[in-house]
Amino acid sequence: MEENFNELYEFDQSNGVTVAGVDEAGRGPLAGPVVAAAVVIEKYVPEFKMIDDSKKLSEKKRELLFDAILENCKVGVGIVNSTEIDKLNILNATFLAMKNAISELIEEGVEFSKVLVDGNHKIRGYSGQQEAIVKGDSKSLSIAAASIIAKVTRDKIMEKYAVIYPEYGFEKHKGYGTKQHRDALLKYGGTDIHRKSFLTKILAKTLF
């Protein structure tokens, strides 16, 4: 992990300027928001040796790193709900969440010169300097940190929805299209947090 950490950190440092890493969570689920985070690494702490793509980490490790990142980095979060996703489409909603996360950093007076965004798309509508990094969460420390913030933030939101809609099992699948989730949809129909544009491609339009 030490070697991996050095590679991630050196990738950010190689830009020669202060970077903000940006990543999202929740593009694929049938329900809930898409969440983006923007992270500027301010202070290195030993826990950061464990930082990696959030999908490769256990829930316990993500939550430990979530706290360490909040304590030692500048963090912005953008959340776009299912209604907006249906209105904008998921790609544009993701861009909006990313822009909102960056705007939160700017509003807090955080200084950075360049945005590194995970994936092969630059952020549409963002006028600052940016670079799209394919598999960025396995190359950049700031992007990997952003992936953790976005993932844990979204998971916590879905756990709250699980209390409101207990029959769907959101605490387990976080809104993704598992068999349990699909079976619940067929039995109970959709809710206010379901993405109607996603369900009509998979399930009957009579759900709503």
N, C-alpha and C. Protein backbone atom coordinates (compact mmCIF):
# COMPACT_ATOMS: atom_id res chain seq x y z
N MET A 1 0.82 -1.21 0.00
CA MET A 1 0.00 0.00 0.00
C MET A 1 0.85 1.26 0.00
N GLU A 2 2.04 1.18 0.60
CA GLU A 2 2.90 2.37 0.63
C GLU A 2 3.25 2.83 -0.78
N GLU A 3 3.60 1.84 -1.61
CA GLU A 3 3.94 2.18 -2.99
C GLU A 3 2.73 2.79 -3.71
N ASN A 4 1.56 2.18 -3.49
CA ASN A 4 0.35 2.69 -4.12
C ASN A 4 0.07 4.11 -3.67
N PHE A 5 0.22 4.37 -2.36
CA PHE A 5 -0.01 5.72 -1.85
C PHE A 5 0.91 6.72 -2.53
N ASN A 6 2.19 6.37 -2.65
CA ASN A 6 3.13 7.29 -3.27
C ASN A 6 2.73 7.59 -4.70
N GLU A 7 2.28 6.59 -5.42
CA GLU A 7 1.87 6.81 -6.80
C GLU A 7 0.67 7.75 -6.86
N LEU A 8 -0.30 7.55 -5.99
CA LEU A 8 -1.49 8.41 -5.98
C LEU A 8 -1.11 9.85 -5.63
N TYR A 9 -0.30 9.99 -4.62
CA TYR A 9 0.08 11.33 -4.18
C TYR A 9 0.96 12.02 -5.21
N GLU A 10 1.90 11.28 -5.77
CA GLU A 10 2.80 11.87 -6.77
C GLU A 10 2.05 12.26 -8.03
N PHE A 11 1.00 11.53 -8.36
CA PHE A 11 0.19 11.89 -9.52
C PHE A 11 -0.39 13.29 -9.34
N ASP A 12 -0.96 13.56 -8.16
CA ASP A 12 -1.50 14.89 -7.88
C ASP A 12 -0.40 15.94 -7.89
N GLN A 13 0.72 15.61 -7.24
CA GLN A 13 1.83 16.56 -7.15
C GLN A 13 2.42 16.89 -8.52
N SER A 14 2.35 15.93 -9.44
CA SER A 14 2.96 16.12 -10.76
C SER A 14 2.27 17.22 -11.56
N ASN A 15 1.10 17.64 -11.13
CA ASN A 15 0.42 18.73 -11.82
C ASN A 15 1.08 20.07 -11.58
N GLY A 16 1.84 20.17 -10.51
CA GLY A 16 2.57 21.40 -10.23
C GLY A 16 1.72 22.51 -9.65
N VAL A 17 0.43 22.24 -9.43
CA VAL A 17 -0.49 23.22 -8.85
C VAL A 17 -1.38 22.48 -7.86
N THR A 18 -2.10 23.23 -7.04
CA THR A 18 -3.06 22.62 -6.12
C THR A 18 -4.25 22.11 -6.90
N VAL A 19 -4.58 20.83 -6.70
CA VAL A 19 -5.68 20.23 -7.45
C VAL A 19 -6.84 19.89 -6.51
N ALA A 20 -8.03 19.87 -7.09
CA ALA A 20 -9.23 19.38 -6.41
C ALA A 20 -9.67 18.13 -7.16
N GLY A 21 -9.73 17.01 -6.45
CA GLY A 21 -10.20 15.78 -7.06
C GLY A 21 -11.71 15.69 -6.97
N VAL A 22 -12.35 15.25 -8.04
CA VAL A 22 -13.82 15.18 -8.08
C VAL A 22 -14.26 13.79 -8.54
N ASP A 23 -15.22 13.23 -7.81
CA ASP A 23 -15.79 11.94 -8.19
C ASP A 23 -17.23 11.88 -7.72
N GLU A 24 -17.96 10.88 -8.21
CA GLU A 24 -19.38 10.76 -7.86
C GLU A 24 -19.71 9.35 -7.39
N ALA A 25 -20.89 9.24 -6.80
CA ALA A 25 -21.45 7.94 -6.43
C ALA A 25 -22.93 7.95 -6.76
N GLY A 26 -23.41 6.85 -7.32
CA GLY A 26 -24.85 6.72 -7.53
C GLY A 26 -25.36 7.03 -8.92
N ARG A 27 -24.56 6.80 -9.94
CA ARG A 27 -25.07 7.00 -11.30
C ARG A 27 -26.00 5.86 -11.72
N GLY A 28 -25.74 4.65 -11.21
CA GLY A 28 -26.47 3.48 -11.68
C GLY A 28 -27.74 3.08 -10.96
N PRO A 29 -27.95 3.47 -9.70
CA PRO A 29 -29.11 2.98 -8.96
C PRO A 29 -30.46 3.38 -9.56
N LEU A 30 -31.49 2.65 -9.16
CA LEU A 30 -32.86 2.94 -9.59
C LEU A 30 -33.52 3.98 -8.69
N ALA A 31 -32.92 4.25 -7.54
CA ALA A 31 -33.52 5.17 -6.57
C ALA A 31 -32.44 5.99 -5.88
N GLY A 32 -32.87 7.15 -5.36
CA GLY A 32 -31.98 8.00 -4.60
C GLY A 32 -31.19 8.97 -5.45
N PRO A 33 -30.41 9.83 -4.79
CA PRO A 33 -29.69 10.89 -5.50
C PRO A 33 -28.38 10.41 -6.11
N VAL A 34 -27.81 11.25 -6.95
CA VAL A 34 -26.41 11.11 -7.33
C VAL A 34 -25.65 12.13 -6.48
N VAL A 35 -24.53 11.69 -5.93
CA VAL A 35 -23.74 12.53 -5.02
C VAL A 35 -22.33 12.68 -5.56
N ALA A 36 -21.84 13.91 -5.57
CA ALA A 36 -20.47 14.17 -6.00
C ALA A 36 -19.70 14.84 -4.87
N ALA A 37 -18.40 14.63 -4.85
CA ALA A 37 -17.54 15.29 -3.86
C ALA A 37 -16.34 15.88 -4.56
N ALA A 38 -15.85 16.99 -4.01
CA ALA A 38 -14.63 17.63 -4.47
C ALA A 38 -13.70 17.75 -3.27
N VAL A 39 -12.47 17.28 -3.41
CA VAL A 39 -11.54 17.22 -2.27
C VAL A 39 -10.20 17.85 -2.62
N VAL A 40 -9.74 18.72 -1.74
CA VAL A 40 -8.38 19.26 -1.81
C VAL A 40 -7.62 18.72 -0.61
N ILE A 41 -6.55 17.96 -0.86
CA ILE A 41 -5.76 17.39 0.23
C ILE A 41 -4.97 18.51 0.90
N GLU A 42 -5.25 18.75 2.17
CA GLU A 42 -4.54 19.81 2.89
C GLU A 42 -3.39 19.29 3.73
N LYS A 43 -3.62 18.17 4.39
CA LYS A 43 -2.63 17.63 5.31
C LYS A 43 -2.61 16.11 5.18
N TYR A 44 -1.42 15.57 5.00
CA TYR A 44 -1.29 14.12 4.93
C TYR A 44 -1.27 13.53 6.34
N VAL A 45 -2.05 12.49 6.53
CA VAL A 45 -2.03 11.75 7.79
C VAL A 45 -1.84 10.27 7.48
N PRO A 46 -1.35 9.48 8.45
CA PRO A 46 -1.05 8.07 8.18
C PRO A 46 -2.22 7.27 7.58
N GLU A 47 -3.45 7.60 7.97
CA GLU A 47 -4.61 6.86 7.45
C GLU A 47 -4.70 6.93 5.93
N PHE A 48 -4.14 7.97 5.35
CA PHE A 48 -4.26 8.14 3.90
C PHE A 48 -3.51 7.06 3.11
N LYS A 49 -2.65 6.30 3.80
CA LYS A 49 -1.99 5.17 3.13
C LYS A 49 -3.02 4.14 2.67
N MET A 50 -4.18 4.13 3.33
CA MET A 50 -5.23 3.14 3.00
C MET A 50 -6.15 3.62 1.89
N ILE A 51 -6.03 4.88 1.48
CA ILE A 51 -6.97 5.42 0.49
C ILE A 51 -6.82 4.71 -0.85
N ASP A 52 -7.95 4.34 -1.39
CA ASP A 52 -8.02 3.67 -2.69
C ASP A 52 -9.41 3.95 -3.26
N ASP A 53 -9.66 3.46 -4.44
CA ASP A 53 -11.00 3.53 -5.02
C ASP A 53 -12.00 3.00 -3.99
N SER A 54 -13.07 3.78 -3.73
CA SER A 54 -14.01 3.42 -2.66
C SER A 54 -14.63 2.04 -2.87
N LYS A 55 -14.77 1.63 -4.13
CA LYS A 55 -15.40 0.33 -4.41
C LYS A 55 -14.52 -0.84 -3.96
N LYS A 56 -13.23 -0.60 -3.75
CA LYS A 56 -12.31 -1.66 -3.34
C LYS A 56 -12.17 -1.75 -1.81
N LEU A 57 -12.82 -0.83 -1.10
CA LEU A 57 -12.67 -0.76 0.35
C LEU A 57 -13.90 -1.31 1.06
N SER A 58 -13.70 -1.87 2.23
CA SER A 58 -14.82 -2.32 3.04
C SER A 58 -15.58 -1.10 3.57
N GLU A 59 -16.83 -1.34 3.99
CA GLU A 59 -17.64 -0.25 4.54
C GLU A 59 -16.97 0.35 5.78
N LYS A 60 -16.43 -0.49 6.62
CA LYS A 60 -15.76 -0.03 7.84
C LYS A 60 -14.56 0.86 7.50
N LYS A 61 -13.77 0.45 6.53
CA LYS A 61 -12.59 1.22 6.16
C LYS A 61 -12.99 2.53 5.49
N ARG A 62 -14.04 2.50 4.67
CA ARG A 62 -14.51 3.74 4.04
C ARG A 62 -14.93 4.76 5.09
N GLU A 63 -15.64 4.29 6.12
CA GLU A 63 -16.12 5.21 7.14
C GLU A 63 -14.97 5.77 7.97
N LEU A 64 -13.95 4.95 8.23
CA LEU A 64 -12.77 5.44 8.93
C LEU A 64 -12.07 6.52 8.10
N LEU A 65 -11.92 6.26 6.82
CA LEU A 65 -11.26 7.22 5.93
C LEU A 65 -12.11 8.46 5.71
N PHE A 66 -13.43 8.29 5.68
CA PHE A 66 -14.35 9.41 5.56
C PHE A 66 -14.06 10.45 6.64
N ASP A 67 -13.95 10.01 7.88
CA ASP A 67 -13.67 10.92 8.98
C ASP A 67 -12.29 11.55 8.85
N ALA A 68 -11.30 10.75 8.46
CA ALA A 68 -9.94 11.27 8.31
C ALA A 68 -9.86 12.32 7.21
N ILE A 69 -10.59 12.09 6.13
CA ILE A 69 -10.59 13.06 5.02
C ILE A 69 -11.25 14.36 5.45
N LEU A 70 -12.39 14.27 6.13
CA LEU A 70 -13.08 15.48 6.57
C LEU A 70 -12.22 16.30 7.53
N GLU A 71 -11.42 15.61 8.33
CA GLU A 71 -10.61 16.30 9.33
C GLU A 71 -9.35 16.94 8.74
N ASN A 72 -8.87 16.41 7.61
CA ASN A 72 -7.57 16.84 7.10
C ASN A 72 -7.59 17.38 5.67
N CYS A 73 -8.77 17.50 5.09
CA CYS A 73 -8.90 18.00 3.73
C CYS A 73 -10.01 19.04 3.67
N LYS A 74 -10.04 19.79 2.59
CA LYS A 74 -11.18 20.65 2.29
C LYS A 74 -12.11 19.87 1.39
N VAL A 75 -13.38 19.84 1.76
CA VAL A 75 -14.34 18.98 1.08
C VAL A 75 -15.60 19.75 0.68
N GLY A 76 -16.04 19.56 -0.56
CA GLY A 76 -17.32 20.07 -1.02
C GLY A 76 -18.18 18.91 -1.49
N VAL A 77 -19.48 18.99 -1.26
CA VAL A 77 -20.40 17.91 -1.64
C VAL A 77 -21.56 18.48 -2.44
N GLY A 78 -21.93 17.81 -3.52
CA GLY A 78 -23.09 18.19 -4.32
C GLY A 78 -24.06 17.02 -4.42
N ILE A 79 -25.34 17.28 -4.19
CA ILE A 79 -26.36 16.23 -4.21
C ILE A 79 -27.49 16.62 -5.16
N VAL A 80 -27.82 15.74 -6.09
CA VAL A 80 -28.91 15.99 -7.03
C VAL A 80 -29.92 14.85 -6.89
N ASN A 81 -31.16 15.19 -6.60
CA ASN A 81 -32.16 14.18 -6.28
C ASN A 81 -32.76 13.51 -7.51
N SER A 82 -33.59 12.52 -7.26
CA SER A 82 -34.14 11.70 -8.35
C SER A 82 -35.03 12.51 -9.30
N THR A 83 -35.74 13.50 -8.78
CA THR A 83 -36.59 14.34 -9.64
C THR A 83 -35.75 15.09 -10.65
N GLU A 84 -34.64 15.64 -10.19
CA GLU A 84 -33.74 16.37 -11.09
C GLU A 84 -33.06 15.42 -12.07
N ILE A 85 -32.74 14.22 -11.60
CA ILE A 85 -32.15 13.22 -12.51
C ILE A 85 -33.09 12.92 -13.65
N ASP A 86 -34.38 12.73 -13.34
CA ASP A 86 -35.37 12.47 -14.39
C ASP A 86 -35.49 13.65 -15.34
N LYS A 87 -35.36 14.84 -14.82
CA LYS A 87 -35.52 16.04 -15.63
C LYS A 87 -34.30 16.30 -16.53
N LEU A 88 -33.11 16.07 -15.98
CA LEU A 88 -31.87 16.46 -16.67
C LEU A 88 -31.23 15.32 -17.45
N ASN A 89 -31.46 14.09 -17.08
CA ASN A 89 -30.80 12.83 -17.42
C ASN A 89 -29.60 12.65 -16.48
N ILE A 90 -29.16 11.42 -16.32
CA ILE A 90 -28.19 11.11 -15.28
C ILE A 90 -26.83 11.76 -15.54
N LEU A 91 -26.40 11.86 -16.80
CA LEU A 91 -25.10 12.47 -17.06
C LEU A 91 -25.10 13.95 -16.69
N ASN A 92 -26.12 14.67 -17.12
CA ASN A 92 -26.20 16.10 -16.78
C ASN A 92 -26.41 16.32 -15.28
N ALA A 93 -27.16 15.41 -14.65
CA ALA A 93 -27.35 15.51 -13.20
C ALA A 93 -26.03 15.29 -12.47
N THR A 94 -25.21 14.38 -13.00
CA THR A 94 -23.89 14.14 -12.41
C THR A 94 -23.01 15.36 -12.56
N PHE A 95 -23.03 15.97 -13.73
CA PHE A 95 -22.25 17.21 -13.93
C PHE A 95 -22.71 18.29 -12.95
N LEU A 96 -24.02 18.41 -12.75
CA LEU A 96 -24.55 19.41 -11.83
C LEU A 96 -24.07 19.14 -10.41
N ALA A 97 -24.11 17.89 -9.98
CA ALA A 97 -23.64 17.53 -8.64
C ALA A 97 -22.16 17.88 -8.49
N MET A 98 -21.37 17.62 -9.52
CA MET A 98 -19.94 17.94 -9.48
C MET A 98 -19.71 19.44 -9.39
N LYS A 99 -20.45 20.20 -10.20
CA LYS A 99 -20.31 21.66 -10.16
C LYS A 99 -20.73 22.21 -8.80
N ASN A 100 -21.76 21.64 -8.21
CA ASN A 100 -22.20 22.08 -6.89
C ASN A 100 -21.15 21.77 -5.82
N ALA A 101 -20.48 20.62 -5.95
CA ALA A 101 -19.42 20.26 -5.00
C ALA A 101 -18.25 21.24 -5.12
N ILE A 102 -17.88 21.56 -6.35
CA ILE A 102 -16.79 22.52 -6.57
C ILE A 102 -17.18 23.90 -6.06
N SER A 103 -18.42 24.29 -6.31
CA SER A 103 -18.91 25.60 -5.85
C SER A 103 -18.85 25.72 -4.34
N GLU A 104 -19.11 24.61 -3.65
CA GLU A 104 -19.05 24.63 -2.18
C GLU A 104 -17.63 24.91 -1.71
N LEU A 105 -16.64 24.33 -2.39
CA LEU A 105 -15.25 24.63 -2.06
C LEU A 105 -14.95 26.11 -2.27
N ILE A 106 -15.37 26.61 -3.43
CA ILE A 106 -15.10 28.00 -3.77
C ILE A 106 -15.75 28.94 -2.76
N GLU A 107 -17.00 28.65 -2.39
CA GLU A 107 -17.71 29.49 -1.43
C GLU A 107 -17.03 29.50 -0.06
N GLU A 108 -16.32 28.42 0.25
CA GLU A 108 -15.61 28.34 1.52
C GLU A 108 -14.23 28.98 1.44
N GLY A 109 -13.89 29.52 0.27
CA GLY A 109 -12.61 30.19 0.10
C GLY A 109 -11.43 29.26 -0.11
N VAL A 110 -11.70 28.02 -0.49
CA VAL A 110 -10.63 27.06 -0.73
C VAL A 110 -9.96 27.38 -2.06
N GLU A 111 -8.65 27.43 -2.06
CA GLU A 111 -7.91 27.78 -3.28
C GLU A 111 -7.38 26.52 -3.96
N PHE A 112 -7.63 26.42 -5.25
CA PHE A 112 -7.07 25.35 -6.07
C PHE A 112 -7.01 25.87 -7.50
N SER A 113 -6.13 25.29 -8.29
CA SER A 113 -5.92 25.79 -9.65
C SER A 113 -6.46 24.88 -10.73
N LYS A 114 -6.71 23.63 -10.38
CA LYS A 114 -7.11 22.66 -11.41
C LYS A 114 -8.00 21.60 -10.79
N VAL A 115 -8.99 21.18 -11.55
CA VAL A 115 -9.87 20.09 -11.14
C VAL A 115 -9.48 18.82 -11.89
N LEU A 116 -9.33 17.73 -11.14
CA LEU A 116 -9.13 16.41 -11.73
C LEU A 116 -10.43 15.64 -11.53
N VAL A 117 -11.06 15.25 -12.61
CA VAL A 117 -12.36 14.58 -12.51
C VAL A 117 -12.24 13.13 -12.98
N ASP A 118 -12.81 12.23 -12.20
CA ASP A 118 -12.76 10.81 -12.55
C ASP A 118 -13.60 10.54 -13.79
N GLY A 119 -13.06 9.72 -14.70
CA GLY A 119 -13.82 9.31 -15.87
C GLY A 119 -13.26 9.89 -17.16
N ASN A 120 -14.03 9.73 -18.22
CA ASN A 120 -13.58 10.20 -19.53
C ASN A 120 -14.32 11.44 -20.01
N HIS A 121 -15.12 12.05 -19.12
CA HIS A 121 -15.84 13.28 -19.46
C HIS A 121 -15.37 14.44 -18.60
N LYS A 122 -15.01 15.55 -19.23
CA LYS A 122 -14.83 16.77 -18.46
C LYS A 122 -16.21 17.24 -17.99
N ILE A 123 -16.21 18.07 -16.95
CA ILE A 123 -17.47 18.53 -16.37
C ILE A 123 -18.09 19.59 -17.28
N ARG A 124 -19.21 19.25 -17.87
CA ARG A 124 -19.88 20.17 -18.78
C ARG A 124 -20.37 21.40 -18.01
N GLY A 125 -20.03 22.58 -18.53
CA GLY A 125 -20.48 23.81 -17.91
C GLY A 125 -19.54 24.36 -16.85
N TYR A 126 -18.43 23.67 -16.58
CA TYR A 126 -17.44 24.18 -15.64
C TYR A 126 -16.34 24.89 -16.41
N SER A 127 -16.11 26.16 -16.09
CA SER A 127 -15.21 26.99 -16.90
C SER A 127 -13.77 26.98 -16.42
N GLY A 128 -13.51 26.41 -15.25
CA GLY A 128 -12.14 26.39 -14.73
C GLY A 128 -11.30 25.32 -15.41
N GLN A 129 -10.00 25.36 -15.12
CA GLN A 129 -9.10 24.36 -15.68
C GLN A 129 -9.44 22.99 -15.13
N GLN A 130 -9.54 22.00 -16.00
CA GLN A 130 -9.90 20.66 -15.56
C GLN A 130 -9.29 19.61 -16.48
N GLU A 131 -9.18 18.40 -15.94
CA GLU A 131 -8.67 17.27 -16.71
C GLU A 131 -9.46 16.03 -16.31
N ALA A 132 -9.95 15.30 -17.30
CA ALA A 132 -10.64 14.03 -17.05
C ALA A 132 -9.60 12.92 -16.97
N ILE A 133 -9.68 12.11 -15.91
CA ILE A 133 -8.72 11.05 -15.68
C ILE A 133 -9.45 9.71 -15.67
N VAL A 134 -9.25 8.90 -16.70
CA VAL A 134 -9.87 7.57 -16.74
C VAL A 134 -9.31 6.73 -15.60
N LYS A 135 -10.21 6.08 -14.84
CA LYS A 135 -9.84 5.32 -13.65
C LYS A 135 -9.07 6.20 -12.67
N GLY A 136 -9.50 7.45 -12.57
CA GLY A 136 -8.81 8.42 -11.73
C GLY A 136 -8.78 8.04 -10.26
N ASP A 137 -9.79 7.28 -9.80
CA ASP A 137 -9.82 6.90 -8.39
C ASP A 137 -8.77 5.86 -8.04
N SER A 138 -8.06 5.33 -9.04
CA SER A 138 -6.94 4.44 -8.77
C SER A 138 -5.60 5.09 -9.13
N LYS A 139 -5.65 6.38 -9.51
CA LYS A 139 -4.43 7.10 -9.91
C LYS A 139 -4.15 8.33 -9.06
N SER A 140 -5.23 9.00 -8.62
CA SER A 140 -5.11 10.29 -7.93
C SER A 140 -5.60 10.17 -6.49
N LEU A 141 -4.81 10.68 -5.55
CA LEU A 141 -5.21 10.64 -4.14
C LEU A 141 -6.45 11.49 -3.90
N SER A 142 -6.51 12.66 -4.51
CA SER A 142 -7.65 13.55 -4.27
C SER A 142 -8.93 12.99 -4.89
N ILE A 143 -8.83 12.35 -6.06
CA ILE A 143 -10.01 11.73 -6.66
C ILE A 143 -10.46 10.54 -5.83
N ALA A 144 -9.51 9.71 -5.37
CA ALA A 144 -9.86 8.56 -4.53
C ALA A 144 -10.53 9.02 -3.25
N ALA A 145 -10.03 10.11 -2.66
CA ALA A 145 -10.66 10.66 -1.45
C ALA A 145 -12.07 11.14 -1.75
N ALA A 146 -12.25 11.78 -2.90
CA ALA A 146 -13.58 12.25 -3.29
C ALA A 146 -14.53 11.08 -3.49
N SER A 147 -14.03 9.97 -4.03
CA SER A 147 -14.89 8.80 -4.24
C SER A 147 -15.39 8.25 -2.90
N ILE A 148 -14.54 8.31 -1.88
CA ILE A 148 -14.93 7.83 -0.55
C ILE A 148 -15.98 8.75 0.06
N ILE A 149 -15.76 10.07 -0.02
CA ILE A 149 -16.72 11.03 0.53
C ILE A 149 -18.08 10.86 -0.16
N ALA A 150 -18.07 10.76 -1.48
CA ALA A 150 -19.33 10.64 -2.23
C ALA A 150 -20.05 9.35 -1.88
N LYS A 151 -19.32 8.24 -1.82
CA LYS A 151 -19.92 6.94 -1.55
C LYS A 151 -20.52 6.88 -0.14
N VAL A 152 -19.75 7.30 0.86
CA VAL A 152 -20.25 7.23 2.24
C VAL A 152 -21.42 8.18 2.44
N THR A 153 -21.33 9.38 1.86
CA THR A 153 -22.42 10.34 1.98
C THR A 153 -23.70 9.76 1.39
N ARG A 154 -23.59 9.17 0.21
CA ARG A 154 -24.79 8.61 -0.43
C ARG A 154 -25.33 7.42 0.35
N ASP A 155 -24.45 6.56 0.83
CA ASP A 155 -24.90 5.41 1.61
C ASP A 155 -25.69 5.85 2.84
N LYS A 156 -25.23 6.89 3.50
CA LYS A 156 -25.92 7.40 4.69
C LYS A 156 -27.32 7.94 4.31
N ILE A 157 -27.41 8.59 3.16
CA ILE A 157 -28.71 9.09 2.69
C ILE A 157 -29.66 7.92 2.46
N MET A 158 -29.16 6.87 1.81
CA MET A 158 -30.01 5.72 1.50
C MET A 158 -30.42 4.96 2.76
N GLU A 159 -29.56 4.97 3.78
CA GLU A 159 -29.92 4.32 5.05
C GLU A 159 -31.06 5.09 5.74
N LYS A 160 -31.08 6.41 5.57
CA LYS A 160 -32.19 7.20 6.12
C LYS A 160 -33.48 6.91 5.35
N TYR A 161 -33.38 6.76 4.03
CA TYR A 161 -34.56 6.41 3.24
C TYR A 161 -35.08 5.02 3.60
N ALA A 162 -34.17 4.14 4.05
CA ALA A 162 -34.59 2.79 4.42
C ALA A 162 -35.55 2.81 5.60
N VAL A 163 -35.42 3.82 6.47
CA VAL A 163 -36.33 3.96 7.61
C VAL A 163 -37.71 4.42 7.13
N ILE A 164 -37.71 5.30 6.13
CA ILE A 164 -38.97 5.84 5.59
C ILE A 164 -39.69 4.80 4.74
N TYR A 165 -38.92 4.04 3.96
CA TYR A 165 -39.48 3.03 3.07
C TYR A 165 -38.89 1.65 3.42
N PRO A 166 -39.27 1.07 4.55
CA PRO A 166 -38.60 -0.15 5.03
C PRO A 166 -38.80 -1.37 4.14
N GLU A 167 -39.87 -1.37 3.34
CA GLU A 167 -40.16 -2.57 2.53
C GLU A 167 -39.20 -2.76 1.35
N TYR A 168 -38.39 -1.74 1.03
CA TYR A 168 -37.53 -1.83 -0.16
C TYR A 168 -36.11 -2.33 0.13
N GLY A 169 -35.67 -2.28 1.37
CA GLY A 169 -34.33 -2.78 1.71
C GLY A 169 -33.20 -1.87 1.27
N PHE A 170 -33.45 -0.56 1.26
CA PHE A 170 -32.42 0.37 0.80
C PHE A 170 -31.13 0.30 1.61
N GLU A 171 -31.25 -0.12 2.89
CA GLU A 171 -30.05 -0.20 3.72
C GLU A 171 -29.08 -1.27 3.21
N LYS A 172 -29.60 -2.22 2.42
CA LYS A 172 -28.75 -3.31 1.90
C LYS A 172 -28.19 -2.98 0.52
N HIS A 173 -29.06 -2.60 -0.40
CA HIS A 173 -28.62 -2.42 -1.80
C HIS A 173 -28.41 -0.97 -2.21
N LYS A 174 -28.78 -0.02 -1.33
CA LYS A 174 -28.56 1.41 -1.56
C LYS A 174 -29.22 1.92 -2.84
N GLY A 175 -30.29 1.24 -3.27
CA GLY A 175 -31.04 1.70 -4.44
C GLY A 175 -30.66 1.04 -5.75
N TYR A 176 -29.64 0.20 -5.75
CA TYR A 176 -29.26 -0.51 -6.98
C TYR A 176 -30.29 -1.59 -7.31
N GLY A 177 -30.27 -2.02 -8.55
CA GLY A 177 -31.32 -2.90 -9.06
C GLY A 177 -31.14 -4.36 -8.73
N THR A 178 -31.02 -4.69 -7.46
CA THR A 178 -30.90 -6.08 -7.04
C THR A 178 -32.24 -6.80 -7.19
N LYS A 179 -32.20 -8.11 -7.05
CA LYS A 179 -33.45 -8.88 -7.11
C LYS A 179 -34.40 -8.45 -6.01
N GLN A 180 -33.88 -8.25 -4.81
CA GLN A 180 -34.72 -7.81 -3.69
C GLN A 180 -35.42 -6.49 -4.04
N HIS A 181 -34.67 -5.57 -4.63
CA HIS A 181 -35.23 -4.27 -4.97
C HIS A 181 -36.28 -4.39 -6.08
N ARG A 182 -35.98 -5.16 -7.09
CA ARG A 182 -36.92 -5.33 -8.21
C ARG A 182 -38.21 -6.02 -7.74
N ASP A 183 -38.05 -7.02 -6.88
CA ASP A 183 -39.23 -7.71 -6.35
C ASP A 183 -40.10 -6.75 -5.55
N ALA A 184 -39.47 -5.88 -4.76
CA ALA A 184 -40.22 -4.90 -3.97
C ALA A 184 -40.95 -3.91 -4.88
N LEU A 185 -40.32 -3.53 -5.97
CA LEU A 185 -40.95 -2.62 -6.92
C LEU A 185 -42.20 -3.25 -7.54
N LEU A 186 -42.08 -4.52 -7.91
CA LEU A 186 -43.22 -5.21 -8.50
C LEU A 186 -44.38 -5.36 -7.50
N LYS A 187 -44.02 -5.48 -6.24
CA LYS A 187 -45.05 -5.68 -5.21
C LYS A 187 -45.66 -4.36 -4.74
N TYR A 188 -44.80 -3.34 -4.54
CA TYR A 188 -45.27 -2.10 -3.91
C TYR A 188 -45.32 -0.89 -4.86
N GLY A 189 -44.71 -1.01 -6.04
CA GLY A 189 -44.63 0.14 -6.93
C GLY A 189 -43.48 1.06 -6.55
N GLY A 190 -43.38 2.20 -7.25
CA GLY A 190 -42.29 3.13 -7.01
C GLY A 190 -42.60 4.11 -5.90
N THR A 191 -41.58 4.82 -5.46
CA THR A 191 -41.71 5.85 -4.41
C THR A 191 -41.26 7.20 -4.98
N ASP A 192 -41.34 8.21 -4.14
CA ASP A 192 -40.90 9.54 -4.56
C ASP A 192 -39.41 9.62 -4.83
N ILE A 193 -38.64 8.68 -4.30
CA ILE A 193 -37.19 8.74 -4.51
C ILE A 193 -36.72 7.85 -5.66
N HIS A 194 -37.64 7.15 -6.30
CA HIS A 194 -37.26 6.34 -7.46
C HIS A 194 -37.10 7.21 -8.71
N ARG A 195 -36.17 6.79 -9.56
CA ARG A 195 -35.92 7.50 -10.82
C ARG A 195 -36.84 6.91 -11.87
N LYS A 196 -37.90 7.62 -12.18
CA LYS A 196 -38.90 7.10 -13.11
C LYS A 196 -38.30 6.78 -14.47
N SER A 197 -37.35 7.61 -14.91
CA SER A 197 -36.74 7.39 -16.22
C SER A 197 -35.92 6.11 -16.26
N PHE A 198 -35.45 5.65 -15.11
CA PHE A 198 -34.71 4.39 -15.05
C PHE A 198 -35.66 3.20 -15.04
N LEU A 199 -36.76 3.33 -14.31
CA LEU A 199 -37.66 2.19 -14.14
C LEU A 199 -38.42 1.85 -15.41
N THR A 200 -38.75 2.86 -16.21
CA THR A 200 -39.54 2.59 -17.41
C THR A 200 -38.75 1.77 -18.43
N LYS A 201 -37.44 1.77 -18.32
CA LYS A 201 -36.62 0.97 -19.24
C LYS A 201 -36.57 -0.49 -18.81
N ILE A 202 -36.88 -0.74 -17.55
CA ILE A 202 -36.69 -2.08 -17.00
C ILE A 202 -38.01 -2.72 -16.59
N LEU A 203 -38.86 -1.91 -15.97
CA LEU A 203 -40.11 -2.43 -15.41
C LEU A 203 -41.32 -1.78 -16.08
N ALA A 204 -42.49 -2.25 -15.73
CA ALA A 204 -43.72 -1.74 -16.33
C ALA A 204 -43.96 -0.28 -15.99
N LYS A 205 -44.48 0.49 -16.93
CA LYS A 205 -44.74 1.92 -16.72
C LYS A 205 -45.90 2.13 -15.76
N THR A 206 -46.60 1.09 -15.45
CA THR A 206 -47.77 1.22 -14.56
C THR A 206 -47.38 1.30 -13.10
N LEU A 207 -46.07 1.31 -12.81
CA LEU A 207 -45.62 1.37 -11.42
C LEU A 207 -46.00 2.68 -10.76
N PHE A 208 -46.21 3.73 -11.52
CA PHE A 208 -46.45 5.06 -10.93
C PHE A 208 -47.86 5.52 -11.20
